[in-house]
Amino acid sequence: MAKYGKKAQSSVEHAMEKKKKGSLESGKSKKKVKSRKQAIAIGLSEARKKGAKVPKKKGAKKSSHKTGGRKKSSK
């Protein structure tokens, strides 16, 4: 089974072409994208907005932070 749909593939291709031309900009800052990985991420993000078949983004991993509180003593 394919991981990405055809819409997603064409969206990434479009983003890569824009990157090569030097016209691909990132988010609110509108800075020029130089990284290949960032261009792919922008293409996938645009595909998600269009409703293409793209897996969900991997969120930041939450650390299993244990609280260092006192233990309750049962009497």
C-alpha atoms as a PDB file:
ATOM      1  CA  MET A   1       0.000   0.000   0.000  1.00  0.00           C
ATOM      2  CA  ALA A   2       1.332   3.407  -0.958  1.00  0.00           C
ATOM      3  CA  LYS A   3       2.296   5.815   1.786  1.00  0.00           C
ATOM      4  CA  TYR A   4       1.474   8.966  -0.221  1.00  0.00           C
ATOM      5  CA  GLY A   5      -1.176   9.634  -2.869  1.00  0.00           C
ATOM      6  CA  LYS A   6      -0.643  11.116  -6.337  1.00  0.00           C
ATOM      7  CA  LYS A   7      -1.870  14.557  -5.225  1.00  0.00           C
ATOM      8  CA  ALA A   8       0.787  14.572  -2.517  1.00  0.00           C
ATOM      9  CA  GLN A   9       3.465  13.558  -5.000  1.00  0.00           C
ATOM     10  CA  SER A  10       2.558  16.335  -7.429  1.00  0.00           C
ATOM     11  CA  SER A  11       2.416  18.870  -4.590  1.00  0.00           C
ATOM     12  CA  VAL A  12       5.933  17.928  -3.459  1.00  0.00           C
ATOM     13  CA  GLU A  13       7.188  18.090  -7.059  1.00  0.00           C
ATOM     14  CA  HIS A  14       5.709  21.578  -7.404  1.00  0.00           C
ATOM     15  CA  ALA A  15       7.396  22.696  -4.162  1.00  0.00           C
ATOM     16  CA  MET A  16      10.744  21.273  -5.328  1.00  0.00           C
ATOM     17  CA  GLU A  17      10.475  23.127  -8.641  1.00  0.00           C
ATOM     18  CA  LYS A  18       9.778  26.381  -6.787  1.00  0.00           C
ATOM     19  CA  LYS A  19      12.796  25.711  -4.536  1.00  0.00           C
ATOM     20  CA  LYS A  20      15.062  25.190  -7.551  1.00  0.00           C
ATOM     21  CA  LYS A  21      13.862  28.477  -9.047  1.00  0.00           C
ATOM     22  CA  GLY A  22      14.452  30.180  -5.698  1.00  0.00           C
ATOM     23  CA  SER A  23      10.862  31.301  -5.246  1.00  0.00           C
ATOM     24  CA  LEU A  24       9.765  28.940  -2.452  1.00  0.00           C
ATOM     25  CA  GLU A  25       9.128  30.813   0.799  1.00  0.00           C
ATOM     26  CA  SER A  26       8.461  29.474   4.273  1.00  0.00           C
ATOM     27  CA  GLY A  27       5.504  30.361   6.487  1.00  0.00           C
ATOM     28  CA  LYS A  28       5.002  33.783   8.016  1.00  0.00           C
ATOM     29  CA  SER A  29       8.653  34.839   7.836  1.00  0.00           C
ATOM     30  CA  LYS A  30       8.642  34.592   4.017  1.00  0.00           C
ATOM     31  CA  LYS A  31      12.315  33.568   4.006  1.00  0.00           C
ATOM     32  CA  LYS A  32      13.633  31.691   0.980  1.00  0.00           C
ATOM     33  CA  VAL A  33      13.805  27.940   1.482  1.00  0.00           C
ATOM     34  CA  LYS A  34      17.261  26.459   0.853  1.00  0.00           C
ATOM     35  CA  SER A  35      16.857  23.032   2.434  1.00  0.00           C
ATOM     36  CA  ARG A  36      15.601  20.077   0.383  1.00  0.00           C
ATOM     37  CA  LYS A  37      13.926  18.551   3.439  1.00  0.00           C
ATOM     38  CA  GLN A  38      12.111  21.776   4.204  1.00  0.00           C
ATOM     39  CA  ALA A  39      10.839  21.987   0.622  1.00  0.00           C
ATOM     40  CA  ILE A  40       9.444  18.453   0.895  1.00  0.00           C
ATOM     41  CA  ALA A  41       7.797  19.301   4.212  1.00  0.00           C
ATOM     42  CA  ILE A  42       6.141  22.365   2.676  1.00  0.00           C
ATOM     43  CA  GLY A  43       4.882  20.262  -0.255  1.00  0.00           C
ATOM     44  CA  LEU A  44       3.395  17.655   2.071  1.00  0.00           C
ATOM     45  CA  SER A  45       1.815  20.340   4.225  1.00  0.00           C
ATOM     46  CA  GLU A  46       0.140  21.891   1.176  1.00  0.00           C
ATOM     47  CA  ALA A  47      -1.068  18.423   0.114  1.00  0.00           C
ATOM     48  CA  ARG A  48      -2.618  17.876   3.563  1.00  0.00           C
ATOM     49  CA  LYS A  49      -4.512  21.173   3.220  1.00  0.00           C
ATOM     50  CA  LYS A  50      -5.866  20.027  -0.164  1.00  0.00           C
ATOM     51  CA  GLY A  51      -7.057  16.751   1.393  1.00  0.00           C
ATOM     52  CA  ALA A  52      -4.538  14.423  -0.247  1.00  0.00           C
ATOM     53  CA  LYS A  53      -3.590  11.026   1.149  1.00  0.00           C
ATOM     54  CA  VAL A  54      -0.685  11.910   3.451  1.00  0.00           C
ATOM     55  CA  PRO A  55       0.094  10.362   6.852  1.00  0.00           C
ATOM     56  CA  LYS A  56      -0.299  12.605   9.898  1.00  0.00           C
ATOM     57  CA  LYS A  57       2.670  14.653  11.049  1.00  0.00           C
ATOM     58  CA  LYS A  58       4.799  13.138  13.762  1.00  0.00           C
ATOM     59  CA  GLY A  59       4.473  15.361  16.801  1.00  0.00           C
ATOM     60  CA  ALA A  60       7.226  16.151  19.235  1.00  0.00           C
ATOM     61  CA  LYS A  61       7.882  13.178  21.468  1.00  0.00           C
ATOM     62  CA  LYS A  62       6.853  13.732  25.030  1.00  0.00           C
ATOM     63  CA  SER A  63       9.397  12.680  27.589  1.00  0.00           C
ATOM     64  CA  SER A  64       8.229  10.374  30.341  1.00  0.00           C
ATOM     65  CA  HIS A  65       8.936  12.903  33.057  1.00  0.00           C
ATOM     66  CA  LYS A  66       8.328  11.490  36.523  1.00  0.00           C
ATOM     67  CA  THR A  67       7.327  13.863  39.229  1.00  0.00           C
ATOM     68  CA  GLY A  68       9.651  13.929  42.177  1.00  0.00           C
ATOM     69  CA  GLY A  69       6.891  14.435  44.739  1.00  0.00           C
ATOM     70  CA  ARG A  70       6.619  12.692  48.087  1.00  0.00           C
ATOM     71  CA  LYS A  71       4.948   9.304  48.297  1.00  0.00           C
ATOM     72  CA  LYS A  72       1.741   9.023  50.245  1.00  0.00           C
ATOM     73  CA  SER A  73       2.105   6.871  53.286  1.00  0.00           C
ATOM     74  CA  SER A  74      -0.837   4.693  54.210  1.00  0.00           C
ATOM     75  CA  LYS A  75      -1.512   4.389  57.943  1.00  0.00           C
END
